[in-house]
Amino acid sequence: MEEHTRQMEQRLKEEQRARLEEQERVLEHHRKEYEALLQEGFRREAAAMQERITELELEKKKMEVGTWIGSALNLLSSIFAPLLYVVAGMVPTIVTKVCRKM
């Protein structure tokens, strides 16, 4: 089970990395197109392209933040999961002792 979880996490990380790389490729393409529009004198089209570039950069930053948050949550869960198992294992013992005293 633990191995399966680790493999799933690895696959998710790889997919996230691939999405970020694709986002960067799209951004680079748009930046080149923006420069070409400016050089050819299409200022209005270039302005629209710049807006799209800004939107894509914001989306990319959100994806990166999501990756960081996910990593932090994974770290916390790996730290606290064993503690939860210990506490969960203690609950029946505590309940049994309380019931015996009644």
PDB file of N, CA and C in Angstrom:
ATOM      1  N   MET A   1       0.822  -1.194   0.000  1.00  0.00           N
ATOM      2  CA  MET A   1       0.000   0.000   0.000  1.00  0.00           C
ATOM      3  C   MET A   1       0.871   1.265   0.000  1.00  0.00           C
ATOM      4  N   GLU A   2       1.900   1.242   0.840  1.00  0.00           N
ATOM      5  CA  GLU A   2       2.794   2.390   0.929  1.00  0.00           C
ATOM      6  C   GLU A   2       3.536   2.619  -0.392  1.00  0.00           C
ATOM      7  N   GLU A   3       3.938   1.513  -1.015  1.00  0.00           N
ATOM      8  CA  GLU A   3       4.641   1.597  -2.296  1.00  0.00           C
ATOM      9  C   GLU A   3       3.717   2.170  -3.368  1.00  0.00           C
ATOM     10  N   HIS A   4       2.479   1.739  -3.357  1.00  0.00           N
ATOM     11  CA  HIS A   4       1.494   2.248  -4.330  1.00  0.00           C
ATOM     12  C   HIS A   4       1.289   3.751  -4.145  1.00  0.00           C
ATOM     13  N   THR A   5       1.189   4.185  -2.909  1.00  0.00           N
ATOM     14  CA  THR A   5       1.024   5.614  -2.617  1.00  0.00           C
ATOM     15  C   THR A   5       2.228   6.403  -3.092  1.00  0.00           C
ATOM     16  N   ARG A   6       3.414   5.882  -2.847  1.00  0.00           N
ATOM     17  CA  ARG A   6       4.638   6.544  -3.278  1.00  0.00           C
ATOM     18  C   ARG A   6       4.680   6.660  -4.804  1.00  0.00           C
ATOM     19  N   GLN A   7       4.292   5.590  -5.484  1.00  0.00           N
ATOM     20  CA  GLN A   7       4.278   5.613  -6.945  1.00  0.00           C
ATOM     21  C   GLN A   7       3.267   6.632  -7.472  1.00  0.00           C
ATOM     22  N   MET A   8       2.109   6.700  -6.846  1.00  0.00           N
ATOM     23  CA  MET A   8       1.086   7.672  -7.251  1.00  0.00           C
ATOM     24  C   MET A   8       1.587   9.103  -7.047  1.00  0.00           C
ATOM     25  N   GLU A   9       2.221   9.349  -5.915  1.00  0.00           N
ATOM     26  CA  GLU A   9       2.769  10.680  -5.647  1.00  0.00           C
ATOM     27  C   GLU A   9       3.820  11.040  -6.681  1.00  0.00           C
ATOM     28  N   GLN A  10       4.683  10.077  -7.019  1.00  0.00           N
ATOM     29  CA  GLN A  10       5.729  10.317  -8.015  1.00  0.00           C
ATOM     30  C   GLN A  10       5.106  10.642  -9.365  1.00  0.00           C
ATOM     31  N   ARG A  11       4.079   9.892  -9.738  1.00  0.00           N
ATOM     32  CA  ARG A  11       3.405  10.123 -11.020  1.00  0.00           C
ATOM     33  C   ARG A  11       2.755  11.506 -11.050  1.00  0.00           C
ATOM     34  N   LEU A  12       2.131  11.893  -9.944  1.00  0.00           N
ATOM     35  CA  LEU A  12       1.508  13.220  -9.870  1.00  0.00           C
ATOM     36  C   LEU A  12       2.547  14.327  -9.983  1.00  0.00           C
ATOM     37  N   LYS A  13       3.690  14.146  -9.344  1.00  0.00           N
ATOM     38  CA  LYS A  13       4.767  15.135  -9.433  1.00  0.00           C
ATOM     39  C   LYS A  13       5.271  15.263 -10.869  1.00  0.00           C
ATOM     40  N   GLU A  14       5.428  14.129 -11.533  1.00  0.00           N
ATOM     41  CA  GLU A  14       5.898  14.152 -12.914  1.00  0.00           C
ATOM     42  C   GLU A  14       4.887  14.836 -13.830  1.00  0.00           C
ATOM     43  N   GLU A  15       3.598  14.564 -13.619  1.00  0.00           N
ATOM     44  CA  GLU A  15       2.563  15.205 -14.424  1.00  0.00           C
ATOM     45  C   GLU A  15       2.558  16.714 -14.185  1.00  0.00           C
ATOM     46  N   GLN A  16       2.726  17.124 -12.933  1.00  0.00           N
ATOM     47  CA  GLN A  16       2.764  18.541 -12.602  1.00  0.00           C
ATOM     48  C   GLN A  16       3.961  19.213 -13.268  1.00  0.00           C
ATOM     49  N   ARG A  17       5.109  18.549 -13.224  1.00  0.00           N
ATOM     50  CA  ARG A  17       6.306  19.089 -13.855  1.00  0.00           C
ATOM     51  C   ARG A  17       6.104  19.219 -15.364  1.00  0.00           C
ATOM     52  N   ALA A  18       5.479  18.211 -15.960  1.00  0.00           N
ATOM     53  CA  ALA A  18       5.212  18.251 -17.404  1.00  0.00           C
ATOM     54  C   ALA A  18       4.260  19.396 -17.757  1.00  0.00           C
ATOM     55  N   ARG A  19       3.247  19.623 -16.920  1.00  0.00           N
ATOM     56  CA  ARG A  19       2.314  20.737 -17.164  1.00  0.00           C
ATOM     57  C   ARG A  19       3.031  22.077 -17.072  1.00  0.00           C
ATOM     58  N   LEU A  20       3.929  22.205 -16.104  1.00  0.00           N
ATOM     59  CA  LEU A  20       4.683  23.453 -15.959  1.00  0.00           C
ATOM     60  C   LEU A  20       5.603  23.675 -17.161  1.00  0.00           C
ATOM     61  N   GLU A  21       6.230  22.606 -17.627  1.00  0.00           N
ATOM     62  CA  GLU A  21       7.097  22.730 -18.799  1.00  0.00           C
ATOM     63  C   GLU A  21       6.288  23.125 -20.034  1.00  0.00           C
ATOM     64  N   GLU A  22       5.125  22.525 -20.206  1.00  0.00           N
ATOM     65  CA  GLU A  22       4.262  22.866 -21.341  1.00  0.00           C
ATOM     66  C   GLU A  22       3.810  24.321 -21.244  1.00  0.00           C
ATOM     67  N   GLN A  23       3.470  24.757 -20.048  1.00  0.00           N
ATOM     68  CA  GLN A  23       3.062  26.138 -19.836  1.00  0.00           C
ATOM     69  C   GLN A  23       4.193  27.088 -20.234  1.00  0.00           C
ATOM     70  N   GLU A  24       5.422  26.725 -19.893  1.00  0.00           N
ATOM     71  CA  GLU A  24       6.567  27.558 -20.240  1.00  0.00           C
ATOM     72  C   GLU A  24       6.772  27.601 -21.754  1.00  0.00           C
ATOM     73  N   ARG A  25       6.584  26.467 -22.425  1.00  0.00           N
ATOM     74  CA  ARG A  25       6.707  26.447 -23.891  1.00  0.00           C
ATOM     75  C   ARG A  25       5.655  27.352 -24.541  1.00  0.00           C
ATOM     76  N   VAL A  26       4.430  27.295 -24.046  1.00  0.00           N
ATOM     77  CA  VAL A  26       3.359  28.146 -24.576  1.00  0.00           C
ATOM     78  C   VAL A  26       3.699  29.611 -24.352  1.00  0.00           C
ATOM     79  N   LEU A  27       4.194  29.924 -23.161  1.00  0.00           N
ATOM     80  CA  LEU A  27       4.583  31.308 -22.862  1.00  0.00           C
ATOM     81  C   LEU A  27       5.682  31.786 -23.809  1.00  0.00           C
ATOM     82  N   GLU A  28       6.664  30.955 -24.027  1.00  0.00           N
ATOM     83  CA  GLU A  28       7.770  31.338 -24.917  1.00  0.00           C
ATOM     84  C   GLU A  28       7.260  31.584 -26.338  1.00  0.00           C
ATOM     85  N   HIS A  29       6.366  30.736 -26.800  1.00  0.00           N
ATOM     86  CA  HIS A  29       5.783  30.920 -28.131  1.00  0.00           C
ATOM     87  C   HIS A  29       5.034  32.249 -28.220  1.00  0.00           C
ATOM     88  N   HIS A  30       4.243  32.544 -27.195  1.00  0.00           N
ATOM     89  CA  HIS A  30       3.480  33.802 -27.172  1.00  0.00           C
ATOM     90  C   HIS A  30       4.416  35.016 -27.116  1.00  0.00           C
ATOM     91  N   ARG A  31       5.492  34.887 -26.367  1.00  0.00           N
ATOM     92  CA  ARG A  31       6.441  36.008 -26.293  1.00  0.00           C
ATOM     93  C   ARG A  31       7.063  36.295 -27.661  1.00  0.00           C
ATOM     94  N   LYS A  32       7.418  35.235 -28.382  1.00  0.00           N
ATOM     95  CA  LYS A  32       7.989  35.421 -29.729  1.00  0.00           C
ATOM     96  C   LYS A  32       6.950  36.035 -30.666  1.00  0.00           C
ATOM     97  N   GLU A  33       5.728  35.567 -30.555  1.00  0.00           N
ATOM     98  CA  GLU A  33       4.659  36.111 -31.390  1.00  0.00           C
ATOM     99  C   GLU A  33       4.424  37.591 -31.063  1.00  0.00           C
ATOM    100  N   TYR A  34       4.493  37.926 -29.789  1.00  0.00           N
ATOM    101  CA  TYR A  34       4.341  39.317 -29.347  1.00  0.00           C
ATOM    102  C   TYR A  34       5.416  40.200 -29.978  1.00  0.00           C
ATOM    103  N   GLU A  35       6.663  39.735 -29.923  1.00  0.00           N
ATOM    104  CA  GLU A  35       7.763  40.503 -30.513  1.00  0.00           C
ATOM    105  C   GLU A  35       7.565  40.688 -32.018  1.00  0.00           C
ATOM    106  N   ALA A  36       7.127  39.630 -32.703  1.00  0.00           N
ATOM    107  CA  ALA A  36       6.890  39.719 -34.145  1.00  0.00           C
ATOM    108  C   ALA A  36       5.780  40.723 -34.455  1.00  0.00           C
ATOM    109  N   LEU A  37       4.728  40.708 -33.663  1.00  0.00           N
ATOM    110  CA  LEU A  37       3.633  41.661 -33.869  1.00  0.00           C
ATOM    111  C   LEU A  37       4.120  43.098 -33.703  1.00  0.00           C
ATOM    112  N   LEU A  38       4.929  43.321 -32.680  1.00  0.00           N
ATOM    113  CA  LEU A  38       5.462  44.665 -32.457  1.00  0.00           C
ATOM    114  C   LEU A  38       6.332  45.113 -33.629  1.00  0.00           C
ATOM    115  N   GLN A  39       7.185  44.235 -34.102  1.00  0.00           N
ATOM    116  CA  GLN A  39       8.080  44.581 -35.206  1.00  0.00           C
ATOM    117  C   GLN A  39       7.320  44.874 -36.494  1.00  0.00           C
ATOM    118  N   GLU A  40       6.188  44.218 -36.664  1.00  0.00           N
ATOM    119  CA  GLU A  40       5.398  44.420 -37.875  1.00  0.00           C
ATOM    120  C   GLU A  40       4.409  45.582 -37.735  1.00  0.00           C
ATOM    121  N   GLY A  41       4.385  46.203 -36.555  1.00  0.00           N
ATOM    122  CA  GLY A  41       3.547  47.379 -36.354  1.00  0.00           C
ATOM    123  C   GLY A  41       2.120  47.090 -35.915  1.00  0.00           C
ATOM    124  N   PHE A  42       1.821  45.883 -35.526  1.00  0.00           N
ATOM    125  CA  PHE A  42       0.481  45.526 -35.061  1.00  0.00           C
ATOM    126  C   PHE A  42       0.379  45.753 -33.553  1.00  0.00           C
ATOM    127  N   ARG A  43       0.285  47.015 -33.183  1.00  0.00           N
ATOM    128  CA  ARG A  43       0.320  47.377 -31.759  1.00  0.00           C
ATOM    129  C   ARG A  43      -0.898  46.868 -30.978  1.00  0.00           C
ATOM    130  N   ARG A  44      -2.067  46.979 -31.577  1.00  0.00           N
ATOM    131  CA  ARG A  44      -3.267  46.526 -30.876  1.00  0.00           C
ATOM    132  C   ARG A  44      -3.216  45.010 -30.640  1.00  0.00           C
ATOM    133  N   GLU A  45      -2.820  44.273 -31.663  1.00  0.00           N
ATOM    134  CA  GLU A  45      -2.697  42.822 -31.528  1.00  0.00           C
ATOM    135  C   GLU A  45      -1.605  42.454 -30.527  1.00  0.00           C
ATOM    136  N   ALA A  46      -0.521  43.225 -30.552  1.00  0.00           N
ATOM    137  CA  ALA A  46       0.571  42.992 -29.603  1.00  0.00           C
ATOM    138  C   ALA A  46       0.107  43.244 -28.174  1.00  0.00           C
ATOM    139  N   ALA A  47      -0.713  44.276 -27.978  1.00  0.00           N
ATOM    140  CA  ALA A  47      -1.237  44.567 -26.636  1.00  0.00           C
ATOM    141  C   ALA A  47      -2.123  43.418 -26.155  1.00  0.00           C
ATOM    142  N   ALA A  48      -2.948  42.885 -27.051  1.00  0.00           N
ATOM    143  CA  ALA A  48      -3.799  41.752 -26.682  1.00  0.00           C
ATOM    144  C   ALA A  48      -2.943  40.535 -26.340  1.00  0.00           C
ATOM    145  N   MET A  49      -1.890  40.335 -27.117  1.00  0.00           N
ATOM    146  CA  MET A  49      -0.991  39.205 -26.854  1.00  0.00           C
ATOM    147  C   MET A  49      -0.291  39.387 -25.512  1.00  0.00           C
ATOM    148  N   GLN A  50       0.097  40.604 -25.185  1.00  0.00           N
ATOM    149  CA  GLN A  50       0.746  40.861 -23.896  1.00  0.00           C
ATOM    150  C   GLN A  50      -0.206  40.548 -22.748  1.00  0.00           C
ATOM    151  N   GLU A  51      -1.474  40.867 -22.903  1.00  0.00           N
ATOM    152  CA  GLU A  51      -2.464  40.533 -21.871  1.00  0.00           C
ATOM    153  C   GLU A  51      -2.555  39.020 -21.694  1.00  0.00           C
ATOM    154  N   ARG A  52      -2.550  38.300 -22.800  1.00  0.00           N
ATOM    155  CA  ARG A  52      -2.614  36.838 -22.743  1.00  0.00           C
ATOM    156  C   ARG A  52      -1.368  36.271 -22.064  1.00  0.00           C
ATOM    157  N   ILE A  53      -0.220  36.854 -22.365  1.00  0.00           N
ATOM    158  CA  ILE A  53       1.024  36.419 -21.734  1.00  0.00           C
ATOM    159  C   ILE A  53       0.945  36.628 -20.226  1.00  0.00           C
ATOM    160  N   THR A  54       0.438  37.772 -19.814  1.00  0.00           N
ATOM    161  CA  THR A  54       0.299  38.062 -18.386  1.00  0.00           C
ATOM    162  C   THR A  54      -0.626  37.047 -17.719  1.00  0.00           C
ATOM    163  N   GLU A  55      -1.728  36.709 -18.368  1.00  0.00           N
ATOM    164  CA  GLU A  55      -2.658  35.719 -17.826  1.00  0.00           C
ATOM    165  C   GLU A  55      -1.978  34.355 -17.679  1.00  0.00           C
ATOM    166  N   LEU A  56      -1.230  33.967 -18.698  1.00  0.00           N
ATOM    167  CA  LEU A  56      -0.540  32.675 -18.651  1.00  0.00           C
ATOM    168  C   LEU A  56       0.522  32.639 -17.557  1.00  0.00           C
ATOM    169  N   GLU A  57       1.218  33.758 -17.366  1.00  0.00           N
ATOM    170  CA  GLU A  57       2.220  33.820 -16.300  1.00  0.00           C
ATOM    171  C   GLU A  57       1.564  33.679 -14.930  1.00  0.00           C
ATOM    172  N   LEU A  58       0.405  34.291 -14.748  1.00  0.00           N
ATOM    173  CA  LEU A  58      -0.324  34.150 -13.482  1.00  0.00           C
ATOM    174  C   LEU A  58      -0.773  32.709 -13.264  1.00  0.00           C
ATOM    175  N   GLU A  59      -1.275  32.080 -14.321  1.00  0.00           N
ATOM    176  CA  GLU A  59      -1.680  30.677 -14.220  1.00  0.00           C
ATOM    177  C   GLU A  59      -0.493  29.799 -13.836  1.00  0.00           C
ATOM    178  N   LYS A  60       0.653  30.071 -14.435  1.00  0.00           N
ATOM    179  CA  LYS A  60       1.854  29.284 -14.136  1.00  0.00           C
ATOM    180  C   LYS A  60       2.256  29.464 -12.674  1.00  0.00           C
ATOM    181  N   LYS A  61       2.195  30.699 -12.181  1.00  0.00           N
ATOM    182  CA  LYS A  61       2.545  30.942 -10.773  1.00  0.00           C
ATOM    183  C   LYS A  61       1.592  30.201  -9.844  1.00  0.00           C
ATOM    184  N   LYS A  62       0.315  30.171 -10.188  1.00  0.00           N
ATOM    185  CA  LYS A  62      -0.658  29.436  -9.370  1.00  0.00           C
ATOM    186  C   LYS A  62      -0.325  27.950  -9.356  1.00  0.00           C
ATOM    187  N   MET A  63       0.071  27.428 -10.512  1.00  0.00           N
ATOM    188  CA  MET A  63       0.450  26.018 -10.585  1.00  0.00           C
ATOM    189  C   MET A  63       1.665  25.747  -9.707  1.00  0.00           C
ATOM    190  N   GLU A  64       2.634  26.652  -9.735  1.00  0.00           N
ATOM    191  CA  GLU A  64       3.850  26.480  -8.928  1.00  0.00           C
ATOM    192  C   GLU A  64       3.524  26.550  -7.448  1.00  0.00           C
ATOM    193  N   VAL A  65       2.638  27.461  -7.061  1.00  0.00           N
ATOM    194  CA  VAL A  65       2.238  27.571  -5.654  1.00  0.00           C
ATOM    195  C   VAL A  65       1.513  26.304  -5.232  1.00  0.00           C
ATOM    196  N   GLY A  66       0.648  25.802  -6.116  1.00  0.00           N
ATOM    197  CA  GLY A  66      -0.055  24.559  -5.823  1.00  0.00           C
ATOM    198  C   GLY A  66       0.904  23.414  -5.601  1.00  0.00           C
ATOM    199  N   THR A  67       1.970  23.369  -6.363  1.00  0.00           N
ATOM    200  CA  THR A  67       2.986  22.338  -6.212  1.00  0.00           C
ATOM    201  C   THR A  67       3.661  22.454  -4.853  1.00  0.00           C
ATOM    202  N   TRP A  68       3.983  23.678  -4.447  1.00  0.00           N
ATOM    203  CA  TRP A  68       4.637  23.901  -3.161  1.00  0.00           C
ATOM    204  C   TRP A  68       3.715  23.496  -2.017  1.00  0.00           C
ATOM    205  N   ILE A  69       2.456  23.884  -2.100  1.00  0.00           N
ATOM    206  CA  ILE A  69       1.500  23.549  -1.040  1.00  0.00           C
ATOM    207  C   ILE A  69       1.320  22.038  -0.955  1.00  0.00           C
ATOM    208  N   GLY A  70       1.214  21.403  -2.114  1.00  0.00           N
ATOM    209  CA  GLY A  70       1.075  19.946  -2.128  1.00  0.00           C
ATOM    210  C   GLY A  70       2.269  19.259  -1.493  1.00  0.00           C
ATOM    211  N   SER A  71       3.456  19.753  -1.790  1.00  0.00           N
ATOM    212  CA  SER A  71       4.667  19.167  -1.200  1.00  0.00           C
ATOM    213  C   SER A  71       4.673  19.346   0.312  1.00  0.00           C
ATOM    214  N   ALA A  72       4.271  20.509   0.768  1.00  0.00           N
ATOM    215  CA  ALA A  72       4.228  20.770   2.209  1.00  0.00           C
ATOM    216  C   ALA A  72       3.214  19.860   2.898  1.00  0.00           C
ATOM    217  N   LEU A  73       2.051  19.692   2.277  1.00  0.00           N
ATOM    218  CA  LEU A  73       1.034  18.814   2.865  1.00  0.00           C
ATOM    219  C   LEU A  73       1.501  17.363   2.891  1.00  0.00           C
ATOM    220  N   ASN A  74       2.180  16.937   1.833  1.00  0.00           N
ATOM    221  CA  ASN A  74       2.716  15.569   1.818  1.00  0.00           C
ATOM    222  C   ASN A  74       3.725  15.364   2.934  1.00  0.00           C
ATOM    223  N   LEU A  75       4.581  16.359   3.140  1.00  0.00           N
ATOM    224  CA  LEU A  75       5.570  16.265   4.209  1.00  0.00           C
ATOM    225  C   LEU A  75       4.881  16.172   5.565  1.00  0.00           C
ATOM    226  N   LEU A  76       3.897  17.037   5.800  1.00  0.00           N
ATOM    227  CA  LEU A  76       3.182  17.014   7.075  1.00  0.00           C
ATOM    228  C   LEU A  76       2.455  15.690   7.286  1.00  0.00           C
ATOM    229  N   SER A  77       1.839  15.189   6.230  1.00  0.00           N
ATOM    230  CA  SER A  77       1.115  13.925   6.384  1.00  0.00           C
ATOM    231  C   SER A  77       2.078  12.775   6.682  1.00  0.00           C
ATOM    232  N   SER A  78       3.266  12.809   6.073  1.00  0.00           N
ATOM    233  CA  SER A  78       4.227  11.743   6.352  1.00  0.00           C
ATOM    234  C   SER A  78       4.746  11.821   7.785  1.00  0.00           C
ATOM    235  N   ILE A  79       4.764  13.014   8.348  1.00  0.00           N
ATOM    236  CA  ILE A  79       5.219  13.176   9.732  1.00  0.00           C
ATOM    237  C   ILE A  79       4.129  12.760  10.716  1.00  0.00           C
ATOM    238  N   PHE A  80       2.886  13.199  10.454  1.00  0.00           N
ATOM    239  CA  PHE A  80       1.822  12.994  11.424  1.00  0.00           C
ATOM    240  C   PHE A  80       1.040  11.696  11.249  1.00  0.00           C
ATOM    241  N   ALA A  81       1.132  11.064  10.104  1.00  0.00           N
ATOM    242  CA  ALA A  81       0.390   9.816   9.890  1.00  0.00           C
ATOM    243  C   ALA A  81       0.764   8.747  10.916  1.00  0.00           C
ATOM    244  N   PRO A  82       2.048   8.512  11.176  1.00  0.00           N
ATOM    245  CA  PRO A  82       2.384   7.503  12.191  1.00  0.00           C
ATOM    246  C   PRO A  82       1.830   7.852  13.574  1.00  0.00           C
ATOM    247  N   LEU A  83       1.800   9.130  13.905  1.00  0.00           N
ATOM    248  CA  LEU A  83       1.246   9.536  15.194  1.00  0.00           C
ATOM    249  C   LEU A  83      -0.241   9.232  15.280  1.00  0.00           C
ATOM    250  N   LEU A  84      -0.939   9.445  14.182  1.00  0.00           N
ATOM    251  CA  LEU A  84      -2.368   9.148  14.169  1.00  0.00           C
ATOM    252  C   LEU A  84      -2.627   7.662  14.375  1.00  0.00           C
ATOM    253  N   TYR A  85      -1.779   6.818  13.778  1.00  0.00           N
ATOM    254  CA  TYR A  85      -1.934   5.381  13.980  1.00  0.00           C
ATOM    255  C   TYR A  85      -1.726   5.003  15.440  1.00  0.00           C
ATOM    256  N   VAL A  86      -0.758   5.629  16.081  1.00  0.00           N
ATOM    257  CA  VAL A  86      -0.492   5.353  17.491  1.00  0.00           C
ATOM    258  C   VAL A  86      -1.683   5.784  18.333  1.00  0.00           C
ATOM    259  N   VAL A  87      -2.167   7.003  18.088  1.00  0.00           N
ATOM    260  CA  VAL A  87      -3.311   7.517  18.847  1.00  0.00           C
ATOM    261  C   VAL A  87      -4.544   6.656  18.593  1.00  0.00           C
ATOM    262  N   ALA A  88      -4.787   6.307  17.347  1.00  0.00           N
ATOM    263  CA  ALA A  88      -5.945   5.476  17.013  1.00  0.00           C
ATOM    264  C   ALA A  88      -5.838   4.114  17.694  1.00  0.00           C
ATOM    265  N   GLY A  89      -4.639   3.604  17.811  1.00  0.00           N
ATOM    266  CA  GLY A  89      -4.444   2.321  18.484  1.00  0.00           C
ATOM    267  C   GLY A  89      -4.660   2.417  19.982  1.00  0.00           C
ATOM    268  N   MET A  90      -4.454   3.579  20.555  1.00  0.00           N
ATOM    269  CA  MET A  90      -4.622   3.775  21.988  1.00  0.00           C
ATOM    270  C   MET A  90      -6.078   3.967  22.380  1.00  0.00           C
ATOM    271  N   VAL A  91      -6.899   4.449  21.482  1.00  0.00           N
ATOM    272  CA  VAL A  91      -8.294   4.766  21.814  1.00  0.00           C
ATOM    273  C   VAL A  91      -9.048   3.553  22.350  1.00  0.00           C
ATOM    274  N   PRO A  92      -8.994   2.396  21.690  1.00  0.00           N
ATOM    275  CA  PRO A  92      -9.740   1.258  22.250  1.00  0.00           C
ATOM    276  C   PRO A  92      -9.266   0.874  23.650  1.00  0.00           C
ATOM    277  N   THR A  93      -7.970   0.972  23.892  1.00  0.00           N
ATOM    278  CA  THR A  93      -7.433   0.643  25.214  1.00  0.00           C
ATOM    279  C   THR A  93      -7.969   1.605  26.261  1.00  0.00           C
ATOM    280  N   ILE A  94      -7.994   2.887  25.962  1.00  0.00           N
ATOM    281  CA  ILE A  94      -8.482   3.894  26.894  1.00  0.00           C
ATOM    282  C   ILE A  94      -9.971   3.686  27.170  1.00  0.00           C
ATOM    283  N   VAL A  95     -10.729   3.425  26.118  1.00  0.00           N
ATOM    284  CA  VAL A  95     -12.176   3.208  26.268  1.00  0.00           C
ATOM    285  C   VAL A  95     -12.438   1.991  27.130  1.00  0.00           C
ATOM    286  N   THR A  96     -11.672   0.941  26.911  1.00  0.00           N
ATOM    287  CA  THR A  96     -11.836  -0.286  27.704  1.00  0.00           C
ATOM    288  C   THR A  96     -11.558  -0.012  29.169  1.00  0.00           C
ATOM    289  N   LYS A  97     -10.495   0.720  29.460  1.00  0.00           N
ATOM    290  CA  LYS A  97     -10.157   1.027  30.861  1.00  0.00           C
ATOM    291  C   LYS A  97     -11.232   1.876  31.520  1.00  0.00           C
ATOM    292  N   VAL A  98     -11.757   2.859  30.772  1.00  0.00           N
ATOM    293  CA  VAL A  98     -12.811   3.714  31.324  1.00  0.00           C
ATOM    294  C   VAL A  98     -14.069   2.901  31.601  1.00  0.00           C
ATOM    295  N   CYS A  99     -14.416   2.018  30.705  1.00  0.00           N
ATOM    296  CA  CYS A  99     -15.613   1.192  30.876  1.00  0.00           C
ATOM    297  C   CYS A  99     -15.479   0.244  32.060  1.00  0.00           C
ATOM    298  N   ARG A 100     -14.293  -0.264  32.286  1.00  0.00           N
ATOM    299  CA  ARG A 100     -14.082  -1.183  33.416  1.00  0.00           C
ATOM    300  C   ARG A 100     -14.232  -0.458  34.740  1.00  0.00           C
ATOM    301  N   LYS A 101     -13.894   0.823  34.778  1.00  0.00           N
ATOM    302  CA  LYS A 101     -13.970   1.580  36.020  1.00  0.00           C
ATOM    303  C   LYS A 101     -15.416   1.975  36.355  1.00  0.00           C
ATOM    304  N   MET A 102     -16.296   1.891  35.379  1.00  0.00           N
ATOM    305  CA  MET A 102     -17.697   2.301  35.605  1.00  0.00           C
ATOM    306  C   MET A 102     -18.430   1.262  36.352  1.00  0.00           C
TER     307      MET A 102
END
